[in-house]
Amino acid sequence: MSTGLVYGIQLPVQSQSTMYAEGWEAGAGPADLVEIARTAERAGFDYVASCDHVAIPRRLAAAMSTVWYDPVATLAFLAGVTERVRLLSHVAVVGLRHPLLTAKQYATLDHLSAGRLILGVGAGHVREEFEVLGADFERRGAVLDESIDALRAALGPQEFPEHHGKVYDFEGLGQRPRPAQEKVPVWVGGSSPAAVRRAALKGDGWLPQGDPRDRLPRQIGTLRRLRAEAGVADPITVGAITEPLYVGAPSWDVGRRTLTGSPDRLAESLRAYGAMGVHQIQVRFRCRSRSELTDQMAAFGADVAPHL
């Protein structure tokens, strides 16, 4: 049975948390993002992804850094220099903004990119960010649940969308351009029980956040069970974030968690995700420069991907 795994990448440079940023990213900028996005397209990547934070409080700045490019601006910029690769917000903290504002931005992005948007959404975790924007941090889960419904309406085919909920209520307000896609896919991020449930009931896709591969089968089982119990028949795209990768034999210390080796060996390891029921993997590469990253991406696309 073919697993048919597709693969995407969270862009470097645009978010520089100390948890994953490589040293070279601190001095990188727009030209690097362009080259990486074009490489992703050439190497058969399904999507490039960009994160969402508005402002980082001082207490978190040392760990998270304050480098967080705006996802709409970043993905729109890269849409203009690519033709095929899809554009994923991983993830948009939609509770920070009114759904009509979010819909205006992302509908325009989908229109400008000829229908390449995947809207990834998540609850967020930085209290101060919510407070300064007047958003409700304590109720962010419930607000996200309703926001997904409101966004489905606002990103649908109707010029004058309608939504009547507890938090948001709108009708008779028109927004054009409409998205190029008939239905913009909404992927729900997060691995908490609430996030898995939200993905099961409301998502077209699930983006787990840091689940190690031994935890994934149980999570996927829960996702499928909840979806079946709710009578949701539409297929759901199950994602996973892989371990860091290095194609070939590294000549430097890439860390013990990094998967390294021949293309065959890497493909065999990654095929295990498909066997669990994963449809798309988000890959990341250890690298010391932009050129090492793009070389790794090209090698992955040419030598590993055909065996997935």
C-alpha atoms as a PDB file:
ATOM      1  CA  MET A   1       0.000   0.000   0.000  1.00  0.00           C
ATOM      2  CA  SER A   2       1.421   3.386  -0.967  1.00  0.00           C
ATOM      3  CA  THR A   3       1.426   5.915   1.859  1.00  0.00           C
ATOM      4  CA  GLY A   4       1.887   8.852  -0.508  1.00  0.00           C
ATOM      5  CA  LEU A   5       3.449  11.143   2.094  1.00  0.00           C
ATOM      6  CA  VAL A   6       3.709  14.774   1.032  1.00  0.00           C
ATOM      7  CA  TYR A   7       6.218  17.063   2.703  1.00  0.00           C
ATOM      8  CA  GLY A   8       6.386  20.735   3.625  1.00  0.00           C
ATOM      9  CA  ILE A   9       8.669  23.037   5.574  1.00  0.00           C
ATOM     10  CA  GLN A  10       8.361  25.714   8.228  1.00  0.00           C
ATOM     11  CA  LEU A  11      10.448  28.547   6.812  1.00  0.00           C
ATOM     12  CA  PRO A  12      13.581  29.543   8.718  1.00  0.00           C
ATOM     13  CA  VAL A  13      14.425  33.227   9.318  1.00  0.00           C
ATOM     14  CA  GLN A  14      10.756  34.307   9.743  1.00  0.00           C
ATOM     15  CA  SER A  15      10.602  32.990  13.325  1.00  0.00           C
ATOM     16  CA  GLN A  16      13.724  32.682  15.430  1.00  0.00           C
ATOM     17  CA  SER A  17      12.882  30.976  18.718  1.00  0.00           C
ATOM     18  CA  THR A  18      16.039  29.608  20.359  1.00  0.00           C
ATOM     19  CA  MET A  19      14.310  26.195  20.370  1.00  0.00           C
ATOM     20  CA  TYR A  20      14.936  25.716  16.651  1.00  0.00           C
ATOM     21  CA  ALA A  21      16.698  28.666  14.979  1.00  0.00           C
ATOM     22  CA  GLU A  22      20.139  28.003  13.495  1.00  0.00           C
ATOM     23  CA  GLY A  23      22.934  30.512  14.062  1.00  0.00           C
ATOM     24  CA  TRP A  24      23.056  31.805  10.489  1.00  0.00           C
ATOM     25  CA  GLU A  25      19.407  32.935  10.560  1.00  0.00           C
ATOM     26  CA  ALA A  26      20.168  35.973  12.758  1.00  0.00           C
ATOM     27  CA  GLY A  27      21.891  37.693   9.832  1.00  0.00           C
ATOM     28  CA  ALA A  28      19.483  36.489   7.144  1.00  0.00           C
ATOM     29  CA  GLY A  29      16.631  38.359   5.477  1.00  0.00           C
ATOM     30  CA  PRO A  30      14.204  38.619   2.544  1.00  0.00           C
ATOM     31  CA  ALA A  31      16.618  37.402  -0.160  1.00  0.00           C
ATOM     32  CA  ASP A  32      17.236  34.224   1.835  1.00  0.00           C
ATOM     33  CA  LEU A  33      13.504  33.596   2.239  1.00  0.00           C
ATOM     34  CA  VAL A  34      13.022  33.996  -1.524  1.00  0.00           C
ATOM     35  CA  GLU A  35      15.775  31.503  -2.337  1.00  0.00           C
ATOM     36  CA  ILE A  36      14.472  28.978   0.217  1.00  0.00           C
ATOM     37  CA  ALA A  37      10.876  29.263  -1.047  1.00  0.00           C
ATOM     38  CA  ARG A  38      12.008  28.816  -4.650  1.00  0.00           C
ATOM     39  CA  THR A  39      14.110  25.824  -3.621  1.00  0.00           C
ATOM     40  CA  ALA A  40      11.079  24.334  -1.850  1.00  0.00           C
ATOM     41  CA  GLU A  41       9.063  24.708  -5.040  1.00  0.00           C
ATOM     42  CA  ARG A  42      11.752  23.121  -7.229  1.00  0.00           C
ATOM     43  CA  ALA A  43      12.263  20.266  -4.756  1.00  0.00           C
ATOM     44  CA  GLY A  44       8.585  19.306  -4.701  1.00  0.00           C
ATOM     45  CA  PHE A  45       7.659  20.593  -1.259  1.00  0.00           C
ATOM     46  CA  ASP A  46       3.900  20.803  -0.813  1.00  0.00           C
ATOM     47  CA  TYR A  47       3.990  23.994   1.272  1.00  0.00           C
ATOM     48  CA  VAL A  48       6.083  26.619   2.998  1.00  0.00           C
ATOM     49  CA  ALA A  49       4.851  27.803   6.386  1.00  0.00           C
ATOM     50  CA  SER A  50       5.080  30.953   8.483  1.00  0.00           C
ATOM     51  CA  CYS A  51       4.254  31.554  12.184  1.00  0.00           C
ATOM     52  CA  ASP A  52       2.214  34.237  13.937  1.00  0.00           C
ATOM     53  CA  HIS A  53       3.102  36.411  16.930  1.00  0.00           C
ATOM     54  CA  VAL A  54       2.323  40.116  17.246  1.00  0.00           C
ATOM     55  CA  ALA A  55       4.549  41.085  20.182  1.00  0.00           C
ATOM     56  CA  ILE A  56       6.744  39.128  22.622  1.00  0.00           C
ATOM     57  CA  PRO A  57       6.936  40.219  26.273  1.00  0.00           C
ATOM     58  CA  ARG A  58      10.338  40.803  27.847  1.00  0.00           C
ATOM     59  CA  ARG A  59       9.965  37.745  30.102  1.00  0.00           C
ATOM     60  CA  LEU A  60       9.885  35.472  27.029  1.00  0.00           C
ATOM     61  CA  ALA A  61      12.137  37.423  24.665  1.00  0.00           C
ATOM     62  CA  ALA A  62      15.392  35.631  25.583  1.00  0.00           C
ATOM     63  CA  ALA A  63      13.893  32.233  24.703  1.00  0.00           C
ATOM     64  CA  MET A  64      11.433  33.126  21.942  1.00  0.00           C
ATOM     65  CA  SER A  65      13.308  36.131  20.487  1.00  0.00           C
ATOM     66  CA  THR A  66      11.293  39.013  19.075  1.00  0.00           C
ATOM     67  CA  VAL A  67      11.873  38.000  15.427  1.00  0.00           C
ATOM     68  CA  TRP A  68       8.448  36.906  14.179  1.00  0.00           C
ATOM     69  CA  TYR A  69       7.617  38.049  10.647  1.00  0.00           C
ATOM     70  CA  ASP A  70       3.938  38.691   9.958  1.00  0.00           C
ATOM     71  CA  PRO A  71       2.596  35.560   8.226  1.00  0.00           C
ATOM     72  CA  VAL A  72       0.247  37.305   5.790  1.00  0.00           C
ATOM     73  CA  ALA A  73       2.921  39.733   4.614  1.00  0.00           C
ATOM     74  CA  THR A  74       5.559  36.987   4.441  1.00  0.00           C
ATOM     75  CA  LEU A  75       3.419  34.472   2.553  1.00  0.00           C
ATOM     76  CA  ALA A  76       2.124  37.152   0.163  1.00  0.00           C
ATOM     77  CA  PHE A  77       5.703  38.248  -0.550  1.00  0.00           C
ATOM     78  CA  LEU A  78       6.686  34.644  -1.295  1.00  0.00           C
ATOM     79  CA  ALA A  79       3.544  34.037  -3.367  1.00  0.00           C
ATOM     80  CA  GLY A  80       4.883  36.647  -5.767  1.00  0.00           C
ATOM     81  CA  VAL A  81       8.151  34.760  -6.361  1.00  0.00           C
ATOM     82  CA  THR A  82       6.700  31.223  -6.615  1.00  0.00           C
ATOM     83  CA  GLU A  83       3.990  29.569  -8.700  1.00  0.00           C
ATOM     84  CA  ARG A  84       2.979  26.221  -7.210  1.00  0.00           C
ATOM     85  CA  VAL A  85       4.035  25.735  -3.591  1.00  0.00           C
ATOM     86  CA  ARG A  86       1.200  26.165  -1.111  1.00  0.00           C
ATOM     87  CA  LEU A  87       1.233  28.792   1.629  1.00  0.00           C
ATOM     88  CA  LEU A  88       0.486  27.672   5.199  1.00  0.00           C
ATOM     89  CA  SER A  89       0.010  29.789   8.310  1.00  0.00           C
ATOM     90  CA  HIS A  90       1.446  27.534  11.015  1.00  0.00           C
ATOM     91  CA  VAL A  91      -0.335  28.752  12.941  1.00  0.00           C
ATOM     92  CA  ALA A  92      -2.385  31.933  12.818  1.00  0.00           C
ATOM     93  CA  VAL A  93      -3.516  32.916  16.321  1.00  0.00           C
ATOM     94  CA  VAL A  94      -6.931  33.913  15.022  1.00  0.00           C
ATOM     95  CA  GLY A  95      -8.314  34.818  18.463  1.00  0.00           C
ATOM     96  CA  LEU A  96      -6.151  37.956  18.433  1.00  0.00           C
ATOM     97  CA  ARG A  97      -8.211  39.518  15.632  1.00  0.00           C
ATOM     98  CA  HIS A  98     -11.824  39.834  14.541  1.00  0.00           C
ATOM     99  CA  PRO A  99     -12.685  37.076  12.007  1.00  0.00           C
ATOM    100  CA  LEU A 100     -13.605  39.649   9.333  1.00  0.00           C
ATOM    101  CA  LEU A 101     -10.133  41.174   9.652  1.00  0.00           C
ATOM    102  CA  THR A 102      -8.486  37.750   9.424  1.00  0.00           C
ATOM    103  CA  ALA A 103     -10.729  36.831   6.492  1.00  0.00           C
ATOM    104  CA  LYS A 104      -9.908  40.049   4.637  1.00  0.00           C
ATOM    105  CA  GLN A 105      -6.168  39.377   4.909  1.00  0.00           C
ATOM    106  CA  TYR A 106      -6.199  35.678   4.061  1.00  0.00           C
ATOM    107  CA  ALA A 107      -8.879  35.920   1.337  1.00  0.00           C
ATOM    108  CA  THR A 108      -6.693  38.525  -0.361  1.00  0.00           C
ATOM    109  CA  LEU A 109      -3.656  36.245   0.009  1.00  0.00           C
ATOM    110  CA  ASP A 110      -5.572  33.328  -1.544  1.00  0.00           C
ATOM    111  CA  HIS A 111      -6.805  35.562  -4.375  1.00  0.00           C
ATOM    112  CA  LEU A 112      -3.321  36.940  -5.110  1.00  0.00           C
ATOM    113  CA  SER A 113      -1.708  33.479  -4.996  1.00  0.00           C
ATOM    114  CA  ALA A 114      -4.303  31.809  -7.273  1.00  0.00           C
ATOM    115  CA  GLY A 115      -5.668  29.614  -4.502  1.00  0.00           C
ATOM    116  CA  ARG A 116      -2.581  28.383  -2.651  1.00  0.00           C
ATOM    117  CA  LEU A 117      -3.557  29.210   0.944  1.00  0.00           C
ATOM    118  CA  ILE A 118      -3.855  26.669   3.747  1.00  0.00           C
ATOM    119  CA  LEU A 119      -5.145  28.432   6.864  1.00  0.00           C
ATOM    120  CA  GLY A 120      -3.536  26.856   9.915  1.00  0.00           C
ATOM    121  CA  VAL A 121      -5.079  28.096  13.172  1.00  0.00           C
ATOM    122  CA  GLY A 122      -4.195  27.730  16.841  1.00  0.00           C
ATOM    123  CA  ALA A 123      -5.125  29.003  20.272  1.00  0.00           C
ATOM    124  CA  GLY A 124      -1.928  30.901  21.152  1.00  0.00           C
ATOM    125  CA  HIS A 125      -0.096  30.878  24.476  1.00  0.00           C
ATOM    126  CA  VAL A 126       1.291  34.367  25.246  1.00  0.00           C
ATOM    127  CA  ARG A 127      -0.988  36.083  27.754  1.00  0.00           C
ATOM    128  CA  GLU A 128       0.444  39.598  27.328  1.00  0.00           C
ATOM    129  CA  GLU A 129      -0.125  39.469  23.569  1.00  0.00           C
ATOM    130  CA  PHE A 130      -3.844  38.844  24.110  1.00  0.00           C
ATOM    131  CA  GLU A 131      -4.136  41.472  26.835  1.00  0.00           C
ATOM    132  CA  VAL A 132      -2.504  44.304  24.890  1.00  0.00           C
ATOM    133  CA  LEU A 133      -4.776  43.604  21.893  1.00  0.00           C
ATOM    134  CA  GLY A 134      -7.901  43.434  24.062  1.00  0.00           C
ATOM    135  CA  ALA A 135      -8.416  39.716  23.326  1.00  0.00           C
ATOM    136  CA  ASP A 136      -9.657  37.180  25.899  1.00  0.00           C
ATOM    137  CA  PHE A 137      -6.766  34.929  26.957  1.00  0.00           C
ATOM    138  CA  GLU A 138      -8.720  32.807  29.429  1.00  0.00           C
ATOM    139  CA  ARG A 139     -11.426  31.945  26.907  1.00  0.00           C
ATOM    140  CA  ARG A 140      -9.129  31.615  23.918  1.00  0.00           C
ATOM    141  CA  GLY A 141     -10.148  27.977  23.280  1.00  0.00           C
ATOM    142  CA  ALA A 142     -13.860  28.785  23.068  1.00  0.00           C
ATOM    143  CA  VAL A 143     -13.100  31.894  21.007  1.00  0.00           C
ATOM    144  CA  LEU A 144     -11.004  29.800  18.594  1.00  0.00           C
ATOM    145  CA  ASP A 145     -13.834  27.271  18.220  1.00  0.00           C
ATOM    146  CA  GLU A 146     -16.238  30.018  17.225  1.00  0.00           C
ATOM    147  CA  SER A 147     -13.617  31.816  15.122  1.00  0.00           C
ATOM    148  CA  ILE A 148     -13.246  28.716  12.927  1.00  0.00           C
ATOM    149  CA  ASP A 149     -16.996  28.751  12.243  1.00  0.00           C
ATOM    150  CA  ALA A 150     -16.942  32.494  11.556  1.00  0.00           C
ATOM    151  CA  LEU A 151     -13.930  32.129   9.252  1.00  0.00           C
ATOM    152  CA  ARG A 152     -15.570  29.295   7.318  1.00  0.00           C
ATOM    153  CA  ALA A 153     -18.439  31.690   6.594  1.00  0.00           C
ATOM    154  CA  ALA A 154     -16.202  34.684   5.869  1.00  0.00           C
ATOM    155  CA  LEU A 155     -13.866  32.680   3.570  1.00  0.00           C
ATOM    156  CA  GLY A 156     -16.714  30.906   1.779  1.00  0.00           C
ATOM    157  CA  PRO A 157     -18.281  31.860  -1.545  1.00  0.00           C
ATOM    158  CA  GLN A 158     -20.672  34.531  -0.209  1.00  0.00           C
ATOM    159  CA  GLU A 159     -19.792  38.168  -0.826  1.00  0.00           C
ATOM    160  CA  PHE A 160     -21.891  39.065   2.242  1.00  0.00           C
ATOM    161  CA  PRO A 161     -21.048  36.338   4.770  1.00  0.00           C
ATOM    162  CA  GLU A 162     -23.215  35.733   7.805  1.00  0.00           C
ATOM    163  CA  HIS A 163     -22.313  34.468  11.272  1.00  0.00           C
ATOM    164  CA  HIS A 164     -24.263  34.689  14.530  1.00  0.00           C
ATOM    165  CA  GLY A 165     -22.386  33.463  17.598  1.00  0.00           C
ATOM    166  CA  LYS A 166     -21.713  34.288  21.226  1.00  0.00           C
ATOM    167  CA  VAL A 167     -18.544  36.290  20.550  1.00  0.00           C
ATOM    168  CA  TYR A 168     -18.963  37.463  16.949  1.00  0.00           C
ATOM    169  CA  ASP A 169     -22.078  38.508  15.063  1.00  0.00           C
ATOM    170  CA  PHE A 170     -22.079  39.838  11.517  1.00  0.00           C
ATOM    171  CA  GLU A 171     -24.194  39.986   8.355  1.00  0.00           C
ATOM    172  CA  GLY A 172     -24.797  42.443   5.535  1.00  0.00           C
ATOM    173  CA  LEU A 173     -21.108  43.363   5.264  1.00  0.00           C
ATOM    174  CA  GLY A 174     -19.475  42.546   1.937  1.00  0.00           C
ATOM    175  CA  GLN A 175     -15.885  41.506   1.354  1.00  0.00           C
ATOM    176  CA  ARG A 176     -14.183  41.158  -2.002  1.00  0.00           C
ATOM    177  CA  PRO A 177     -11.994  39.828  -3.446  1.00  0.00           C
ATOM    178  CA  ARG A 178     -13.244  36.374  -2.500  1.00  0.00           C
ATOM    179  CA  PRO A 179     -10.699  33.566  -2.062  1.00  0.00           C
ATOM    180  CA  ALA A 180      -9.720  31.828  -5.301  1.00  0.00           C
ATOM    181  CA  GLN A 181     -10.453  28.443  -3.694  1.00  0.00           C
ATOM    182  CA  GLU A 182     -14.048  27.322  -3.316  1.00  0.00           C
ATOM    183  CA  LYS A 183     -13.133  26.055   0.149  1.00  0.00           C
ATOM    184  CA  VAL A 184     -10.006  27.245   1.948  1.00  0.00           C
ATOM    185  CA  PRO A 185      -8.611  24.286   3.936  1.00  0.00           C
ATOM    186  CA  VAL A 186      -8.471  24.963   7.687  1.00  0.00           C
ATOM    187  CA  TRP A 187      -5.830  22.973   9.572  1.00  0.00           C
ATOM    188  CA  VAL A 188      -6.019  23.028  13.372  1.00  0.00           C
ATOM    189  CA  GLY A 189      -2.754  23.152  15.320  1.00  0.00           C
ATOM    190  CA  GLY A 190      -1.949  21.764  18.760  1.00  0.00           C
ATOM    191  CA  SER A 191      -1.609  18.487  20.638  1.00  0.00           C
ATOM    192  CA  SER A 192      -3.606  19.094  23.832  1.00  0.00           C
ATOM    193  CA  PRO A 193      -6.831  17.080  24.244  1.00  0.00           C
ATOM    194  CA  ALA A 194      -8.812  20.260  23.419  1.00  0.00           C
ATOM    195  CA  ALA A 195      -6.780  20.858  20.241  1.00  0.00           C
ATOM    196  CA  VAL A 196      -7.155  17.258  19.044  1.00  0.00           C
ATOM    197  CA  ARG A 197     -10.898  17.452  19.664  1.00  0.00           C
ATOM    198  CA  ARG A 198     -11.097  20.789  17.805  1.00  0.00           C
ATOM    199  CA  ALA A 199      -9.207  19.312  14.847  1.00  0.00           C
ATOM    200  CA  ALA A 200     -11.479  16.257  14.844  1.00  0.00           C
ATOM    201  CA  LEU A 201     -14.716  18.245  14.916  1.00  0.00           C
ATOM    202  CA  LYS A 202     -13.806  21.358  12.918  1.00  0.00           C
ATOM    203  CA  GLY A 203     -10.608  20.793  10.935  1.00  0.00           C
ATOM    204  CA  ASP A 204      -9.754  19.799   7.382  1.00  0.00           C
ATOM    205  CA  GLY A 205      -6.314  18.969   8.780  1.00  0.00           C
ATOM    206  CA  TRP A 206      -4.451  18.485  12.052  1.00  0.00           C
ATOM    207  CA  LEU A 207      -1.034  19.986  12.802  1.00  0.00           C
ATOM    208  CA  PRO A 208       0.358  18.319  15.948  1.00  0.00           C
ATOM    209  CA  GLN A 209       2.748  20.434  17.964  1.00  0.00           C
ATOM    210  CA  GLY A 210       5.820  18.476  18.950  1.00  0.00           C
ATOM    211  CA  ASP A 211       4.314  15.002  19.465  1.00  0.00           C
ATOM    212  CA  PRO A 212       7.152  12.462  19.403  1.00  0.00           C
ATOM    213  CA  ARG A 213       6.448   9.661  16.963  1.00  0.00           C
ATOM    214  CA  ASP A 214       5.660   7.114  19.697  1.00  0.00           C
ATOM    215  CA  ARG A 215       2.754   9.294  20.881  1.00  0.00           C
ATOM    216  CA  LEU A 216       1.277   9.889  17.438  1.00  0.00           C
ATOM    217  CA  PRO A 217      -0.628   6.605  16.848  1.00  0.00           C
ATOM    218  CA  ARG A 218      -2.673   7.099  20.019  1.00  0.00           C
ATOM    219  CA  GLN A 219      -3.381  10.744  19.154  1.00  0.00           C
ATOM    220  CA  ILE A 220      -4.414   9.815  15.603  1.00  0.00           C
ATOM    221  CA  GLY A 221      -6.664   7.073  16.989  1.00  0.00           C
ATOM    222  CA  THR A 222      -8.364   9.623  19.257  1.00  0.00           C
ATOM    223  CA  LEU A 223      -8.737  12.063  16.365  1.00  0.00           C
ATOM    224  CA  ARG A 224     -10.377   9.457  14.126  1.00  0.00           C
ATOM    225  CA  ARG A 225     -12.651   8.170  16.911  1.00  0.00           C
ATOM    226  CA  LEU A 226     -13.908  11.672  17.801  1.00  0.00           C
ATOM    227  CA  ARG A 227     -14.482  12.479  14.139  1.00  0.00           C
ATOM    228  CA  ALA A 228     -16.420   9.258  13.566  1.00  0.00           C
ATOM    229  CA  GLU A 229     -18.516   9.751  16.711  1.00  0.00           C
ATOM    230  CA  ALA A 230     -19.441  13.248  15.515  1.00  0.00           C
ATOM    231  CA  GLY A 231     -20.437  11.848  12.115  1.00  0.00           C
ATOM    232  CA  VAL A 232     -17.883  13.950  10.201  1.00  0.00           C
ATOM    233  CA  ALA A 233     -17.395  12.019   6.962  1.00  0.00           C
ATOM    234  CA  ASP A 234     -14.985  14.354   5.147  1.00  0.00           C
ATOM    235  CA  PRO A 235     -11.352  13.225   5.000  1.00  0.00           C
ATOM    236  CA  ILE A 236      -8.852  14.953   7.279  1.00  0.00           C
ATOM    237  CA  THR A 237      -5.184  15.622   6.478  1.00  0.00           C
ATOM    238  CA  VAL A 238      -3.105  14.324   9.388  1.00  0.00           C
ATOM    239  CA  GLY A 239       0.283  15.991   9.818  1.00  0.00           C
ATOM    240  CA  ALA A 240       3.453  15.379  11.808  1.00  0.00           C
ATOM    241  CA  ILE A 241       6.612  17.335  12.505  1.00  0.00           C
ATOM    242  CA  THR A 242       9.594  15.056  11.965  1.00  0.00           C
ATOM    243  CA  GLU A 243      12.819  14.870  13.902  1.00  0.00           C
ATOM    244  CA  PRO A 244      15.548  17.169  12.518  1.00  0.00           C
ATOM    245  CA  LEU A 245      17.079  15.672   9.367  1.00  0.00           C
ATOM    246  CA  TYR A 246      20.452  15.643   7.641  1.00  0.00           C
ATOM    247  CA  VAL A 247      20.718  13.902   4.271  1.00  0.00           C
ATOM    248  CA  GLY A 248      24.042  12.059   4.089  1.00  0.00           C
ATOM    249  CA  ALA A 249      26.846  11.755   6.622  1.00  0.00           C
ATOM    250  CA  PRO A 250      27.363  15.067   8.476  1.00  0.00           C
ATOM    251  CA  SER A 251      30.920  16.251   9.117  1.00  0.00           C
ATOM    252  CA  TRP A 252      29.769  18.221  12.178  1.00  0.00           C
ATOM    253  CA  ASP A 253      27.710  17.599  15.314  1.00  0.00           C
ATOM    254  CA  VAL A 254      24.073  17.734  14.232  1.00  0.00           C
ATOM    255  CA  GLY A 255      22.725  16.557  17.615  1.00  0.00           C
ATOM    256  CA  ARG A 256      21.722  13.074  18.718  1.00  0.00           C
ATOM    257  CA  ARG A 257      18.029  13.441  17.863  1.00  0.00           C
ATOM    258  CA  THR A 258      18.779  14.239  14.221  1.00  0.00           C
ATOM    259  CA  LEU A 259      18.009  11.542  11.660  1.00  0.00           C
ATOM    260  CA  THR A 260      21.030  11.179   9.370  1.00  0.00           C
ATOM    261  CA  GLY A 261      22.253   8.771   6.728  1.00  0.00           C
ATOM    262  CA  SER A 262      21.623   7.641   3.189  1.00  0.00           C
ATOM    263  CA  PRO A 263      18.446   8.670   1.364  1.00  0.00           C
ATOM    264  CA  ASP A 264      17.174   5.063   1.612  1.00  0.00           C
ATOM    265  CA  ARG A 265      17.688   5.011   5.355  1.00  0.00           C
ATOM    266  CA  LEU A 266      15.949   8.350   5.862  1.00  0.00           C
ATOM    267  CA  ALA A 267      13.041   7.341   3.634  1.00  0.00           C
ATOM    268  CA  GLU A 268      12.596   4.074   5.517  1.00  0.00           C
ATOM    269  CA  SER A 269      12.461   5.935   8.830  1.00  0.00           C
ATOM    270  CA  LEU A 270      10.020   8.544   7.514  1.00  0.00           C
ATOM    271  CA  ARG A 271       7.731   5.954   5.902  1.00  0.00           C
ATOM    272  CA  ALA A 272       6.838   4.891   9.451  1.00  0.00           C
ATOM    273  CA  TYR A 273       4.812   8.110   9.694  1.00  0.00           C
ATOM    274  CA  GLY A 274       2.711   7.049   6.724  1.00  0.00           C
ATOM    275  CA  ALA A 275       2.137   3.650   8.330  1.00  0.00           C
ATOM    276  CA  MET A 276       0.677   5.438  11.377  1.00  0.00           C
ATOM    277  CA  GLY A 277      -1.867   7.270   9.236  1.00  0.00           C
ATOM    278  CA  VAL A 278       0.041  10.518   8.667  1.00  0.00           C
ATOM    279  CA  HIS A 279      -0.536  12.217   5.279  1.00  0.00           C
ATOM    280  CA  GLN A 280       1.934  15.109   5.376  1.00  0.00           C
ATOM    281  CA  ILE A 281       5.219  15.561   7.203  1.00  0.00           C
ATOM    282  CA  GLN A 282       6.812  18.864   8.078  1.00  0.00           C
ATOM    283  CA  VAL A 283      10.547  18.370   7.706  1.00  0.00           C
ATOM    284  CA  ARG A 284      13.389  20.453   9.113  1.00  0.00           C
ATOM    285  CA  PHE A 285      17.093  20.264   8.363  1.00  0.00           C
ATOM    286  CA  ARG A 286      20.166  20.950  10.474  1.00  0.00           C
ATOM    287  CA  CYS A 287      22.313  23.462   8.612  1.00  0.00           C
ATOM    288  CA  ARG A 288      25.038  26.064   9.142  1.00  0.00           C
ATOM    289  CA  SER A 289      24.145  28.369   6.243  1.00  0.00           C
ATOM    290  CA  ARG A 290      21.434  29.103   3.728  1.00  0.00           C
ATOM    291  CA  SER A 291      23.337  27.229   1.045  1.00  0.00           C
ATOM    292  CA  GLU A 292      23.663  24.140   3.227  1.00  0.00           C
ATOM    293  CA  LEU A 293      19.912  24.294   3.860  1.00  0.00           C
ATOM    294  CA  THR A 294      18.993  24.623   0.178  1.00  0.00           C
ATOM    295  CA  ASP A 295      21.440  21.803  -0.682  1.00  0.00           C
ATOM    296  CA  GLN A 296      19.749  19.618   1.939  1.00  0.00           C
ATOM    297  CA  MET A 297      16.285  20.505   0.632  1.00  0.00           C
ATOM    298  CA  ALA A 298      17.311  19.710  -2.952  1.00  0.00           C
ATOM    299  CA  ALA A 299      18.864  16.390  -1.888  1.00  0.00           C
ATOM    300  CA  PHE A 300      15.725  15.493   0.050  1.00  0.00           C
ATOM    301  CA  GLY A 301      13.474  16.292  -2.918  1.00  0.00           C
ATOM    302  CA  ALA A 302      15.648  14.391  -5.404  1.00  0.00           C
ATOM    303  CA  ASP A 303      16.785  11.368  -3.393  1.00  0.00           C
ATOM    304  CA  VAL A 304      14.503  10.856  -0.367  1.00  0.00           C
ATOM    305  CA  ALA A 305      11.052  12.016  -1.467  1.00  0.00           C
ATOM    306  CA  PRO A 306      10.651   9.507  -4.354  1.00  0.00           C
ATOM    307  CA  HIS A 307      10.811   6.721  -1.740  1.00  0.00           C
ATOM    308  CA  LEU A 308       8.102   8.152   0.507  1.00  0.00           C
END
